[in-house]
Each structure stands twice: as structure tokens, then as C-alpha cells.
Amino acid sequence: HRADQVLGSLLSGREGIGALLSQFLRQLVADTSSYQPTDAPRLG
């Protein structure tokens, strides 16, 4: 019920925790060749 309050919020990917998530995702999708299949659950 608390998490659903986030729906409709404006969440920036340029600062704070949003920036951390954004940077991690961008780096991840830029090149997946350096990861092993066993890394997938940990990255998730």
C-alpha cells in the first residue's frame, strides 16, 4: 500500500538514488559481455 503511492510520482534519474539506479542500468545494458550467466541473479 505504501509502494503503490509511488505510482504517479515524478522520479528523477539524474540525482540521488534515482541517479544510482539510472547509472547502474545504463552501464549494464551498454555491454553485457563482461558478465557470466551466473552473475544474472546477483545483478537482478
Full PDB file with SEQRES, HELIX, SHEET, SSBOND, CRYST1, ORIGX, SCALE, CONECT and MASTER records, all heavy atoms in Angstrom:
SEQRES   1 A   44  HIS ARG ALA ASP GLN VAL LEU GLY SER LEU LEU SER GLY          
SEQRES   2 A   44  ARG GLU GLY ILE GLY ALA LEU LEU SER GLN PHE LEU ARG          
SEQRES   3 A   44  GLN LEU VAL ALA ASP THR SER SER TYR GLN PRO THR ASP          
SEQRES   4 A   44  ALA PRO ARG LEU GLY                                          
HELIX    1 AA1 ALA A    3  VAL A    6  5                                   4    
HELIX    2 AA2 GLY A   16  ALA A   30  1                                  15    
HELIX    3 AA3 PRO A   37  ASP A   39  5                                   3    
HELIX    4 AA4 ALA A   40  LEU A   43  1                                   4    
CRYST1    1.000    1.000    1.000  90.00  90.00  90.00 P 1           1          
ORIGX1      1.000000  0.000000  0.000000        0.00000                         
ORIGX2      0.000000  1.000000  0.000000        0.00000                         
ORIGX3      0.000000  0.000000  1.000000        0.00000                         
SCALE1      1.000000  0.000000  0.000000        0.00000                         
SCALE2      0.000000  1.000000  0.000000        0.00000                         
SCALE3      0.000000  0.000000  1.000000        0.00000                         
ATOM      1  N   HIS A   1       0.827  -1.213   0.000  1.00  0.00           N  
ATOM      2  CA  HIS A   1       0.000   0.000   0.000  1.00  0.00           C  
ATOM      3  C   HIS A   1       0.858   1.259   0.000  1.00  0.00           C  
ATOM      4  O   HIS A   1       0.422   2.300  -0.487  1.00  0.00           O  
ATOM      5  CB  HIS A   1      -0.951  -0.003   1.201  1.00  0.00           C  
ATOM      6  CG  HIS A   1      -0.274   0.200   2.523  1.00  0.00           C  
ATOM      7  ND1 HIS A   1       0.450  -0.798   3.146  1.00  0.00           N  
ATOM      8  CD2 HIS A   1      -0.198   1.294   3.339  1.00  0.00           C  
ATOM      9  CE1 HIS A   1       0.925  -0.347   4.291  1.00  0.00           C  
ATOM     10  NE2 HIS A   1       0.554   0.924   4.433  1.00  0.00           N  
ATOM     11  N   ARG A   2       2.078   1.157   0.521  1.00  0.00           N  
ATOM     12  CA  ARG A   2       2.997   2.290   0.510  1.00  0.00           C  
ATOM     13  C   ARG A   2       3.721   2.398  -0.831  1.00  0.00           C  
ATOM     14  O   ARG A   2       3.865   3.478  -1.391  1.00  0.00           O  
ATOM     15  CB  ARG A   2       4.024   2.142   1.641  1.00  0.00           C  
ATOM     16  CG  ARG A   2       3.431   2.183   3.028  1.00  0.00           C  
ATOM     17  CD  ARG A   2       3.045   3.591   3.426  1.00  0.00           C  
ATOM     18  NE  ARG A   2       4.230   4.358   3.795  1.00  0.00           N  
ATOM     19  CZ  ARG A   2       4.263   5.691   3.891  1.00  0.00           C  
ATOM     20  NH1 ARG A   2       3.173   6.387   3.584  1.00  0.00           N  
ATOM     21  NH2 ARG A   2       5.363   6.312   4.257  1.00  0.00           N  
ATOM     22  N   ALA A   3       4.148   1.244  -1.340  1.00  0.00           N  
ATOM     23  CA  ALA A   3       4.846   1.255  -2.617  1.00  0.00           C  
ATOM     24  C   ALA A   3       3.946   1.781  -3.735  1.00  0.00           C  
ATOM     25  O   ALA A   3       4.416   2.476  -4.644  1.00  0.00           O  
ATOM     26  CB  ALA A   3       5.338  -0.149  -2.952  1.00  0.00           C  
ATOM     27  N   ASP A   4       2.659   1.468  -3.654  1.00  0.00           N  
ATOM     28  CA  ASP A   4       1.743   1.933  -4.696  1.00  0.00           C  
ATOM     29  C   ASP A   4       1.610   3.455  -4.720  1.00  0.00           C  
ATOM     30  O   ASP A   4       1.161   4.027  -5.713  1.00  0.00           O  
ATOM     31  CB  ASP A   4       0.359   1.304  -4.504  1.00  0.00           C  
ATOM     32  CG  ASP A   4       0.338  -0.161  -4.924  1.00  0.00           C  
ATOM     33  OD1 ASP A   4       1.305  -0.599  -5.566  1.00  0.00           O  
ATOM     34  OD2 ASP A   4      -0.650  -0.853  -4.603  1.00  0.00           O  
ATOM     35  N   GLN A   5       1.995   4.106  -3.622  1.00  0.00           N  
ATOM     36  CA  GLN A   5       1.956   5.571  -3.593  1.00  0.00           C  
ATOM     37  C   GLN A   5       2.973   6.181  -4.555  1.00  0.00           C  
ATOM     38  O   GLN A   5       2.861   7.347  -4.924  1.00  0.00           O  
ATOM     39  CB  GLN A   5       2.220   6.076  -2.178  1.00  0.00           C  
ATOM     40  CG  GLN A   5       1.155   5.686  -1.168  1.00  0.00           C  
ATOM     41  CD  GLN A   5       1.507   6.127   0.243  1.00  0.00           C  
ATOM     42  OE1 GLN A   5       2.339   7.020   0.445  1.00  0.00           O  
ATOM     43  NE2 GLN A   5       0.888   5.503   1.234  1.00  0.00           N  
ATOM     44  N   VAL A   6       3.957   5.392  -4.956  1.00  0.00           N  
ATOM     45  CA  VAL A   6       4.977   5.896  -5.869  1.00  0.00           C  
ATOM     46  C   VAL A   6       4.403   6.081  -7.271  1.00  0.00           C  
ATOM     47  O   VAL A   6       4.877   6.916  -8.041  1.00  0.00           O  
ATOM     48  CB  VAL A   6       6.187   4.932  -5.899  1.00  0.00           C  
ATOM     49  CG1 VAL A   6       7.226   5.390  -6.908  1.00  0.00           C  
ATOM     50  CG2 VAL A   6       6.804   4.831  -4.506  1.00  0.00           C  
ATOM     51  N   LEU A   7       3.376   5.294  -7.609  1.00  0.00           N  
ATOM     52  CA  LEU A   7       2.768   5.418  -8.926  1.00  0.00           C  
ATOM     53  C   LEU A   7       2.247   6.841  -9.120  1.00  0.00           C  
ATOM     54  O   LEU A   7       1.514   7.370  -8.295  1.00  0.00           O  
ATOM     55  CB  LEU A   7       1.621   4.424  -9.085  1.00  0.00           C  
ATOM     56  CG  LEU A   7       1.978   2.952  -8.890  1.00  0.00           C  
ATOM     57  CD1 LEU A   7       0.729   2.088  -9.011  1.00  0.00           C  
ATOM     58  CD2 LEU A   7       3.028   2.518  -9.878  1.00  0.00           C  
ATOM     59  N   GLY A   8       2.658   7.472 -10.209  1.00  0.00           N  
ATOM     60  CA  GLY A   8       2.253   8.852 -10.466  1.00  0.00           C  
ATOM     61  C   GLY A   8       3.250   9.876  -9.985  1.00  0.00           C  
ATOM     62  O   GLY A   8       3.100  11.059 -10.271  1.00  0.00           O  
ATOM     63  N   SER A   9       4.275   9.438  -9.236  1.00  0.00           N  
ATOM     64  CA  SER A   9       5.302  10.381  -8.789  1.00  0.00           C  
ATOM     65  C   SER A   9       6.314  10.620  -9.904  1.00  0.00           C  
ATOM     66  O   SER A   9       6.511   9.778 -10.773  1.00  0.00           O  
ATOM     67  CB  SER A   9       6.041   9.839  -7.557  1.00  0.00           C  
ATOM     68  OG  SER A   9       5.165   9.699  -6.464  1.00  0.00           O  
ATOM     69  N   LEU A  10       6.921  11.780  -9.893  1.00  0.00           N  
ATOM     70  CA  LEU A  10       7.989  12.099 -10.833  1.00  0.00           C  
ATOM     71  C   LEU A  10       9.307  11.707 -10.182  1.00  0.00           C  
ATOM     72  O   LEU A  10       9.737  12.308  -9.201  1.00  0.00           O  
ATOM     73  CB  LEU A  10       7.983  13.594 -11.142  1.00  0.00           C  
ATOM     74  CG  LEU A  10       9.068  14.092 -12.099  1.00  0.00           C  
ATOM     75  CD1 LEU A  10       8.844  13.516 -13.493  1.00  0.00           C  
ATOM     76  CD2 LEU A  10       9.066  15.610 -12.152  1.00  0.00           C  
ATOM     77  N   LEU A  11       9.938  10.662 -10.717  1.00  0.00           N  
ATOM     78  CA  LEU A  11      11.181  10.156 -10.135  1.00  0.00           C  
ATOM     79  C   LEU A  11      12.328  10.444 -11.086  1.00  0.00           C  
ATOM     80  O   LEU A  11      12.386   9.907 -12.190  1.00  0.00           O  
ATOM     81  CB  LEU A  11      11.070   8.657  -9.858  1.00  0.00           C  
ATOM     82  CG  LEU A  11       9.916   8.224  -8.944  1.00  0.00           C  
ATOM     83  CD1 LEU A  11      10.012   6.737  -8.648  1.00  0.00           C  
ATOM     84  CD2 LEU A  11       9.922   9.023  -7.645  1.00  0.00           C  
ATOM     85  N   SER A  12      13.242  11.273 -10.643  1.00  0.00           N  
ATOM     86  CA  SER A  12      14.362  11.675 -11.482  1.00  0.00           C  
ATOM     87  C   SER A  12      15.451  10.617 -11.498  1.00  0.00           C  
ATOM     88  O   SER A  12      15.756  10.001 -10.477  1.00  0.00           O  
ATOM     89  CB  SER A  12      14.945  13.000 -10.970  1.00  0.00           C  
ATOM     90  OG  SER A  12      16.125  13.324 -11.677  1.00  0.00           O  
ATOM     91  N   GLY A  13      16.035  10.417 -12.680  1.00  0.00           N  
ATOM     92  CA  GLY A  13      17.195   9.551 -12.800  1.00  0.00           C  
ATOM     93  C   GLY A  13      18.482  10.337 -12.848  1.00  0.00           C  
ATOM     94  O   GLY A  13      19.524   9.804 -13.241  1.00  0.00           O  
ATOM     95  N   ARG A  14      18.421  11.604 -12.436  1.00  0.00           N  
ATOM     96  CA  ARG A  14      19.580  12.493 -12.535  1.00  0.00           C  
ATOM     97  C   ARG A  14      20.206  12.826 -11.191  1.00  0.00           C  
ATOM     98  O   ARG A  14      21.266  13.436 -11.129  1.00  0.00           O  
ATOM     99  CB  ARG A  14      19.174  13.791 -13.231  1.00  0.00           C  
ATOM    100  CG  ARG A  14      18.825  13.616 -14.697  1.00  0.00           C  
ATOM    101  CD  ARG A  14      18.030  14.777 -15.221  1.00  0.00           C  
ATOM    102  NE  ARG A  14      16.691  14.791 -14.653  1.00  0.00           N  
ATOM    103  CZ  ARG A  14      15.732  15.643 -15.011  1.00  0.00           C  
ATOM    104  NH1 ARG A  14      15.986  16.550 -15.910  1.00  0.00           N  
ATOM    105  NH2 ARG A  14      14.545  15.582 -14.461  1.00  0.00           N  
ATOM    106  N   GLU A  15      19.555  12.446 -10.101  1.00  0.00           N  
ATOM    107  CA  GLU A  15      20.096  12.787  -8.792  1.00  0.00           C  
ATOM    108  C   GLU A  15      19.687  11.744  -7.763  1.00  0.00           C  
ATOM    109  O   GLU A  15      18.716  11.012  -7.947  1.00  0.00           O  
ATOM    110  CB  GLU A  15      19.609  14.177  -8.351  1.00  0.00           C  
ATOM    111  CG  GLU A  15      18.089  14.297  -8.311  1.00  0.00           C  
ATOM    112  CD  GLU A  15      17.623  15.713  -8.049  1.00  0.00           C  
ATOM    113  OE1 GLU A  15      18.442  16.637  -8.235  1.00  0.00           O  
ATOM    114  OE2 GLU A  15      16.470  15.888  -7.651  1.00  0.00           O  
ATOM    115  N   GLY A  16      20.433  11.701  -6.684  1.00  0.00           N  
ATOM    116  CA  GLY A  16      20.098  10.809  -5.581  1.00  0.00           C  
ATOM    117  C   GLY A  16      20.077   9.345  -5.968  1.00  0.00           C  
ATOM    118  O   GLY A  16      20.835   8.874  -6.817  1.00  0.00           O  
ATOM    119  N   ILE A  17      19.161   8.595  -5.351  1.00  0.00           N  
ATOM    120  CA  ILE A  17      19.061   7.156  -5.596  1.00  0.00           C  
ATOM    121  C   ILE A  17      18.643   6.885  -7.035  1.00  0.00           C  
ATOM    122  O   ILE A  17      19.081   5.902  -7.647  1.00  0.00           O  
ATOM    123  CB  ILE A  17      18.068   6.529  -4.601  1.00  0.00           C  
ATOM    124  CG1 ILE A  17      18.582   6.727  -3.165  1.00  0.00           C  
ATOM    125  CG2 ILE A  17      17.875   5.044  -4.882  1.00  0.00           C  
ATOM    126  CD1 ILE A  17      17.599   6.321  -2.093  1.00  0.00           C  
ATOM    127  N   GLY A  18      17.815   7.754  -7.597  1.00  0.00           N  
ATOM    128  CA  GLY A  18      17.420   7.589  -8.988  1.00  0.00           C  
ATOM    129  C   GLY A  18      18.606   7.614  -9.925  1.00  0.00           C  
ATOM    130  O   GLY A  18      18.669   6.863 -10.899  1.00  0.00           O  
ATOM    131  N   ALA A  19      19.587   8.471  -9.621  1.00  0.00           N  
ATOM    132  CA  ALA A  19      20.798   8.532 -10.444  1.00  0.00           C  
ATOM    133  C   ALA A  19      21.616   7.253 -10.307  1.00  0.00           C  
ATOM    134  O   ALA A  19      22.199   6.768 -11.280  1.00  0.00           O  
ATOM    135  CB  ALA A  19      21.640   9.743 -10.049  1.00  0.00           C  
ATOM    136  N   LEU A  20      21.662   6.695  -9.087  1.00  0.00           N  
ATOM    137  CA  LEU A  20      22.378   5.435  -8.896  1.00  0.00           C  
ATOM    138  C   LEU A  20      21.760   4.316  -9.735  1.00  0.00           C  
ATOM    139  O   LEU A  20      22.467   3.554 -10.405  1.00  0.00           O  
ATOM    140  CB  LEU A  20      22.356   5.038  -7.417  1.00  0.00           C  
ATOM    141  CG  LEU A  20      23.141   5.904  -6.443  1.00  0.00           C  
ATOM    142  CD1 LEU A  20      22.933   5.406  -5.016  1.00  0.00           C  
ATOM    143  CD2 LEU A  20      24.626   5.897  -6.788  1.00  0.00           C  
ATOM    144  N   LEU A  21      20.430   4.234  -9.693  1.00  0.00           N  
ATOM    145  CA  LEU A  21      19.733   3.209 -10.471  1.00  0.00           C  
ATOM    146  C   LEU A  21      19.933   3.429 -11.965  1.00  0.00           C  
ATOM    147  O   LEU A  21      20.216   2.487 -12.721  1.00  0.00           O  
ATOM    148  CB  LEU A  21      18.250   3.215 -10.120  1.00  0.00           C  
ATOM    149  CG  LEU A  21      17.365   2.239 -10.901  1.00  0.00           C  
ATOM    150  CD1 LEU A  21      17.829   0.810 -10.703  1.00  0.00           C  
ATOM    151  CD2 LEU A  21      15.898   2.395 -10.478  1.00  0.00           C  
ATOM    152  N   SER A  22      19.822   4.683 -12.390  1.00  0.00           N  
ATOM    153  CA  SER A  22      19.992   5.011 -13.806  1.00  0.00           C  
ATOM    154  C   SER A  22      21.381   4.643 -14.298  1.00  0.00           C  
ATOM    155  O   SER A  22      21.548   4.008 -15.352  1.00  0.00           O  
ATOM    156  CB  SER A  22      19.740   6.503 -14.020  1.00  0.00           C  
ATOM    157  OG  SER A  22      20.064   6.885 -15.340  1.00  0.00           O  
ATOM    158  N   GLN A  23      22.396   5.015 -13.539  1.00  0.00           N  
ATOM    159  CA  GLN A  23      23.774   4.735 -13.943  1.00  0.00           C  
ATOM    160  C   GLN A  23      24.046   3.236 -13.990  1.00  0.00           C  
ATOM    161  O   GLN A  23      24.724   2.739 -14.904  1.00  0.00           O  
ATOM    162  CB  GLN A  23      24.737   5.427 -12.979  1.00  0.00           C  
ATOM    163  CG  GLN A  23      24.719   6.947 -13.098  1.00  0.00           C  
ATOM    164  CD  GLN A  23      25.369   7.627 -11.905  1.00  0.00           C  
ATOM    165  OE1 GLN A  23      25.991   6.975 -11.053  1.00  0.00           O  
ATOM    166  NE2 GLN A  23      25.225   8.942 -11.811  1.00  0.00           N  
ATOM    167  N   PHE A  24      23.517   2.521 -13.016  1.00  0.00           N  
ATOM    168  CA  PHE A  24      23.720   1.077 -12.991  1.00  0.00           C  
ATOM    169  C   PHE A  24      23.083   0.425 -14.221  1.00  0.00           C  
ATOM    170  O   PHE A  24      23.707  -0.430 -14.882  1.00  0.00           O  
ATOM    171  CB  PHE A  24      23.122   0.485 -11.713  1.00  0.00           C  
ATOM    172  CG  PHE A  24      23.319  -1.005 -11.594  1.00  0.00           C  
ATOM    173  CD1 PHE A  24      24.506  -1.528 -11.109  1.00  0.00           C  
ATOM    174  CD2 PHE A  24      22.311  -1.880 -11.980  1.00  0.00           C  
ATOM    175  CE1 PHE A  24      24.693  -2.906 -11.017  1.00  0.00           C  
ATOM    176  CE2 PHE A  24      22.499  -3.249 -11.895  1.00  0.00           C  
ATOM    177  CZ  PHE A  24      23.684  -3.767 -11.411  1.00  0.00           C  
ATOM    178  N   LEU A  25      21.858   0.808 -14.543  1.00  0.00           N  
ATOM    179  CA  LEU A  25      21.159   0.228 -15.688  1.00  0.00           C  
ATOM    180  C   LEU A  25      21.848   0.574 -17.002  1.00  0.00           C  
ATOM    181  O   LEU A  25      22.006  -0.288 -17.882  1.00  0.00           O  
ATOM    182  CB  LEU A  25      19.712   0.713 -15.717  1.00  0.00           C  
ATOM    183  CG  LEU A  25      18.814   0.229 -14.569  1.00  0.00           C  
ATOM    184  CD1 LEU A  25      17.467   0.939 -14.613  1.00  0.00           C  
ATOM    185  CD2 LEU A  25      18.609  -1.285 -14.636  1.00  0.00           C  
ATOM    186  N   ARG A  26      22.271   1.824 -17.135  1.00  0.00           N  
ATOM    187  CA  ARG A  26      22.954   2.228 -18.365  1.00  0.00           C  
ATOM    188  C   ARG A  26      24.243   1.439 -18.566  1.00  0.00           C  
ATOM    189  O   ARG A  26      24.562   0.998 -19.675  1.00  0.00           O  
ATOM    190  CB  ARG A  26      23.265   3.731 -18.310  1.00  0.00           C  
ATOM    191  CG  ARG A  26      22.056   4.647 -18.469  1.00  0.00           C  
ATOM    192  CD  ARG A  26      22.491   6.065 -18.162  1.00  0.00           C  
ATOM    193  NE  ARG A  26      21.414   7.022 -18.165  1.00  0.00           N  
ATOM    194  CZ  ARG A  26      21.095   7.818 -19.189  1.00  0.00           C  
ATOM    195  NH1 ARG A  26      21.777   7.726 -20.317  1.00  0.00           N  
ATOM    196  NH2 ARG A  26      20.106   8.684 -19.099  1.00  0.00           N  
ATOM    197  N   GLN A  27      25.016   1.299 -17.505  1.00  0.00           N  
ATOM    198  CA  GLN A  27      26.269   0.557 -17.600  1.00  0.00           C  
ATOM    199  C   GLN A  27      26.005  -0.916 -17.916  1.00  0.00           C  
ATOM    200  O   GLN A  27      26.715  -1.538 -18.720  1.00  0.00           O  
ATOM    201  CB  GLN A  27      27.050   0.679 -16.303  1.00  0.00           C  
ATOM    202  CG  GLN A  27      28.406  -0.027 -16.328  1.00  0.00           C  
ATOM    203  CD  GLN A  27      29.194   0.178 -15.038  1.00  0.00           C  
ATOM    204  OE1 GLN A  27      28.812   0.975 -14.193  1.00  0.00           O  
ATOM    205  NE2 GLN A  27      30.281  -0.554 -14.892  1.00  0.00           N  
ATOM    206  N   LEU A  28      24.969  -1.453 -17.308  1.00  0.00           N  
ATOM    207  CA  LEU A  28      24.641  -2.851 -17.518  1.00  0.00           C  
ATOM    208  C   LEU A  28      24.301  -3.141 -18.975  1.00  0.00           C  
ATOM    209  O   LEU A  28      24.829  -4.077 -19.586  1.00  0.00           O  
ATOM    210  CB  LEU A  28      23.460  -3.240 -16.620  1.00  0.00           C  
ATOM    211  CG  LEU A  28      22.899  -4.652 -16.800  1.00  0.00           C  
ATOM    212  CD1 LEU A  28      23.909  -5.683 -16.310  1.00  0.00           C  
ATOM    213  CD2 LEU A  28      21.581  -4.796 -16.058  1.00  0.00           C  
ATOM    214  N   VAL A  29      23.434  -2.316 -19.566  1.00  0.00           N  
ATOM    215  CA  VAL A  29      22.979  -2.601 -20.930  1.00  0.00           C  
ATOM    216  C   VAL A  29      24.001  -2.183 -21.986  1.00  0.00           C  
ATOM    217  O   VAL A  29      23.935  -2.647 -23.128  1.00  0.00           O  
ATOM    218  CB  VAL A  29      21.622  -1.911 -21.216  1.00  0.00           C  
ATOM    219  CG1 VAL A  29      20.576  -2.353 -20.204  1.00  0.00           C  
ATOM    220  CG2 VAL A  29      21.746  -0.395 -21.240  1.00  0.00           C  
ATOM    221  N   ALA A  30      24.941  -1.329 -21.613  1.00  0.00           N  
ATOM    222  CA  ALA A  30      25.943  -0.873 -22.582  1.00  0.00           C  
ATOM    223  C   ALA A  30      26.827  -2.026 -23.045  1.00  0.00           C  
ATOM    224  O   ALA A  30      27.222  -2.080 -24.217  1.00  0.00           O  
ATOM    225  CB  ALA A  30      26.796   0.240 -21.984  1.00  0.00           C  
ATOM    226  N   ASP A  31      27.128  -2.963 -22.146  1.00  0.00           N  
ATOM    227  CA  ASP A  31      27.997  -4.082 -22.515  1.00  0.00           C  
ATOM    228  C   ASP A  31      27.773  -5.223 -21.538  1.00  0.00           C  
ATOM    229  O   ASP A  31      28.191  -5.150 -20.379  1.00  0.00           O  
ATOM    230  CB  ASP A  31      29.464  -3.653 -22.498  1.00  0.00           C  
ATOM    231  CG  ASP A  31      30.409  -4.769 -22.910  1.00  0.00           C  
ATOM    232  OD1 ASP A  31      29.917  -5.797 -23.413  1.00  0.00           O  
ATOM    233  OD2 ASP A  31      31.630  -4.602 -22.733  1.00  0.00           O  
ATOM    234  N   THR A  32      27.105  -6.279 -21.991  1.00  0.00           N  
ATOM    235  CA  THR A  32      26.843  -7.428 -21.114  1.00  0.00           C  
ATOM    236  C   THR A  32      27.887  -8.527 -21.269  1.00  0.00           C  
ATOM    237  O   THR A  32      27.804  -9.554 -20.611  1.00  0.00           O  
ATOM    238  CB  THR A  32      25.450  -8.015 -21.421  1.00  0.00           C  
ATOM    239  OG1 THR A  32      25.420  -8.459 -22.788  1.00  0.00           O  
ATOM    240  CG2 THR A  32      24.352  -6.982 -21.195  1.00  0.00           C  
ATOM    241  N   SER A  33      28.877  -8.301 -22.135  1.00  0.00           N  
ATOM    242  CA  SER A  33      29.848  -9.358 -22.435  1.00  0.00           C  
ATOM    243  C   SER A  33      30.775  -9.672 -21.265  1.00  0.00           C  
ATOM    244  O   SER A  33      31.361 -10.756 -21.206  1.00  0.00           O  
ATOM    245  CB  SER A  33      30.678  -8.981 -23.657  1.00  0.00           C  
ATOM    246  OG  SER A  33      31.443  -7.803 -23.409  1.00  0.00           O  
ATOM    247  N   SER A  34      30.921  -8.727 -20.336  1.00  0.00           N  
ATOM    248  CA  SER A  34      31.855  -8.947 -19.233  1.00  0.00           C  
ATOM    249  C   SER A  34      31.234  -9.746 -18.083  1.00  0.00           C  
ATOM    250  O   SER A  34      31.917 -10.065 -17.111  1.00  0.00           O  
ATOM    251  CB  SER A  34      32.349  -7.597 -18.688  1.00  0.00           C  
ATOM    252  OG  SER A  34      31.268  -6.820 -18.228  1.00  0.00           O  
ATOM    253  N   TYR A  35      29.950 -10.065 -18.196  1.00  0.00           N  
ATOM    254  CA  TYR A  35      29.269 -10.813 -17.138  1.00  0.00           C  
ATOM    255  C   TYR A  35      29.103 -12.284 -17.537  1.00  0.00           C  
ATOM    256  O   TYR A  35      28.968 -12.621 -18.715  1.00  0.00           O  
ATOM    257  CB  TYR A  35      27.890 -10.218 -16.854  1.00  0.00           C  
ATOM    258  CG  TYR A  35      27.927  -8.768 -16.443  1.00  0.00           C  
ATOM    259  CD1 TYR A  35      27.507  -7.769 -17.319  1.00  0.00           C  
ATOM    260  CD2 TYR A  35      28.377  -8.391 -15.182  1.00  0.00           C  
ATOM    261  CE1 TYR A  35      27.534  -6.431 -16.948  1.00  0.00           C  
ATOM    262  CE2 TYR A  35      28.408  -7.065 -14.806  1.00  0.00           C  
ATOM    263  CZ  TYR A  35      27.990  -6.082 -15.690  1.00  0.00           C  
ATOM    264  OH  TYR A  35      28.029  -4.758 -15.329  1.00  0.00           O  
ATOM    265  N   GLN A  36      29.068 -13.152 -16.532  1.00  0.00           N  
ATOM    266  CA  GLN A  36      28.785 -14.566 -16.734  1.00  0.00           C  
ATOM    267  C   GLN A  36      27.300 -14.825 -16.482  1.00  0.00           C  
ATOM    268  O   GLN A  36      26.646 -14.077 -15.745  1.00  0.00           O  
ATOM    269  CB  GLN A  36      29.623 -15.415 -15.773  1.00  0.00           C  
ATOM    270  CG  GLN A  36      31.119 -15.268 -15.952  1.00  0.00           C  
ATOM    271  CD  GLN A  36      31.584 -15.740 -17.319  1.00  0.00           C  
ATOM    272  OE1 GLN A  36      31.057 -16.713 -17.871  1.00  0.00           O  
ATOM    273  NE2 GLN A  36      32.583 -15.054 -17.875  1.00  0.00           N  
ATOM    274  N   PRO A  37      26.735 -15.881 -17.059  1.00  0.00           N  
ATOM    275  CA  PRO A  37      25.327 -16.206 -16.801  1.00  0.00           C  
ATOM    276  C   PRO A  37      25.013 -16.342 -15.309  1.00  0.00           C  
ATOM    277  O   PRO A  37      23.915 -15.993 -14.875  1.00  0.00           O  
ATOM    278  CB  PRO A  37      25.139 -17.540 -17.537  1.00  0.00           C  
ATOM    279  CG  PRO A  37      26.133 -17.483 -18.653  1.00  0.00           C  
ATOM    280  CD  PRO A  37      27.326 -16.774 -18.084  1.00  0.00           C  
ATOM    281  N   THR A  38      25.986 -16.827 -14.537  1.00  0.00           N  
ATOM    282  CA  THR A  38      25.759 -16.975 -13.093  1.00  0.00           C  
ATOM    283  C   THR A  38      25.669 -15.638 -12.375  1.00  0.00           C  
ATOM    284  O   THR A  38      25.228 -15.586 -11.217  1.00  0.00           O  
ATOM    285  CB  THR A  38      26.892 -17.806 -12.470  1.00  0.00           C  
ATOM    286  OG1 THR A  38      28.157 -17.230 -12.831  1.00  0.00           O  
ATOM    287  CG2 THR A  38      26.837 -19.253 -12.960  1.00  0.00           C  
ATOM    288  N   ASP A  39      26.101 -14.562 -13.036  1.00  0.00           N  
ATOM    289  CA  ASP A  39      26.000 -13.233 -12.433  1.00  0.00           C  
ATOM    290  C   ASP A  39      24.570 -12.685 -12.492  1.00  0.00           C  
ATOM    291  O   ASP A  39      24.237 -11.739 -11.758  1.00  0.00           O  
ATOM    292  CB  ASP A  39      26.922 -12.236 -13.158  1.00  0.00           C  
ATOM    293  CG  ASP A  39      28.391 -12.537 -12.955  1.00  0.00           C  
ATOM    294  OD1 ASP A  39      28.737 -13.003 -11.861  1.00  0.00           O  
ATOM    295  OD2 ASP A  39      29.178 -12.309 -13.901  1.00  0.00           O  
ATOM    296  N   ALA A  40      23.744 -13.235 -13.376  1.00  0.00           N  
ATOM    297  CA  ALA A  40      22.423 -12.662 -13.624  1.00  0.00           C  
ATOM    298  C   ALA A  40      21.569 -12.508 -12.363  1.00  0.00           C  
ATOM    299  O   ALA A  40      21.051 -11.415 -12.104  1.00  0.00           O  
ATOM    300  CB  ALA A  40      21.685 -13.483 -14.686  1.00  0.00           C  
ATOM    301  N   PRO A  41      21.395 -13.573 -11.536  1.00  0.00           N  
ATOM    302  CA  PRO A  41      20.560 -13.404 -10.334  1.00  0.00           C  
ATOM    303  C   PRO A  41      21.105 -12.350  -9.374  1.00  0.00           C  
ATOM    304  O   PRO A  41      20.332 -11.605  -8.761  1.00  0.00           O  
ATOM    305  CB  PRO A  41      20.573 -14.802  -9.696  1.00  0.00           C  
ATOM    306  CG  PRO A  41      20.908 -15.727 -10.814  1.00  0.00           C  
ATOM    307  CD  PRO A  41      21.859 -14.960 -11.684  1.00  0.00           C  
ATOM    308  N   ARG A  42      22.426 -12.270  -9.256  1.00  0.00           N  
ATOM    309  CA  ARG A  42      23.021 -11.272  -8.358  1.00  0.00           C  
ATOM    310  C   ARG A  42      22.784  -9.860  -8.883  1.00  0.00           C  
ATOM    311  O   ARG A  42      22.498  -8.937  -8.111  1.00  0.00           O  
ATOM    312  CB  ARG A  42      24.522 -11.546  -8.195  1.00  0.00           C  
ATOM    313  CG  ARG A  42      24.828 -12.809  -7.397  1.00  0.00           C  
ATOM    314  CD  ARG A  42      26.317 -12.938  -7.114  1.00  0.00           C  
ATOM    315  NE  ARG A  42      27.060 -13.353  -8.296  1.00  0.00           N  
ATOM    316  CZ  ARG A  42      27.294 -14.619  -8.622  1.00  0.00           C  
ATOM    317  NH1 ARG A  42      26.845 -15.592  -7.853  1.00  0.00           N  
ATOM    318  NH2 ARG A  42      27.992 -14.915  -9.710  1.00  0.00           N  
ATOM    319  N   LEU A  43      22.913  -9.689 -10.194  1.00  0.00           N  
ATOM    320  CA  LEU A  43      22.632  -8.374 -10.779  1.00  0.00           C  
ATOM    321  C   LEU A  43      21.157  -8.016 -10.608  1.00  0.00           C  
ATOM    322  O   LEU A  43      20.817  -6.857 -10.352  1.00  0.00           O  
ATOM    323  CB  LEU A  43      23.017  -8.375 -12.256  1.00  0.00           C  
ATOM    324  CG  LEU A  43      24.516  -8.490 -12.562  1.00  0.00           C  
ATOM    325  CD1 LEU A  43      24.742  -8.733 -14.048  1.00  0.00           C  
ATOM    326  CD2 LEU A  43      25.249  -7.234 -12.115  1.00  0.00           C  
ATOM    327  N   GLY A  44      20.289  -9.013 -10.742  1.00  0.00           N  
ATOM    328  CA  GLY A  44      18.865  -8.771 -10.522  1.00  0.00           C  
ATOM    329  C   GLY A  44      18.577  -8.321  -9.099  1.00  0.00           C  
ATOM    330  O   GLY A  44      17.733  -7.451  -8.865  1.00  0.00           O  
TER     331      GLY A  44                                                      
MASTER        0    0    0    4    0    0    0    6  330    1    0    4          
END                                                                             
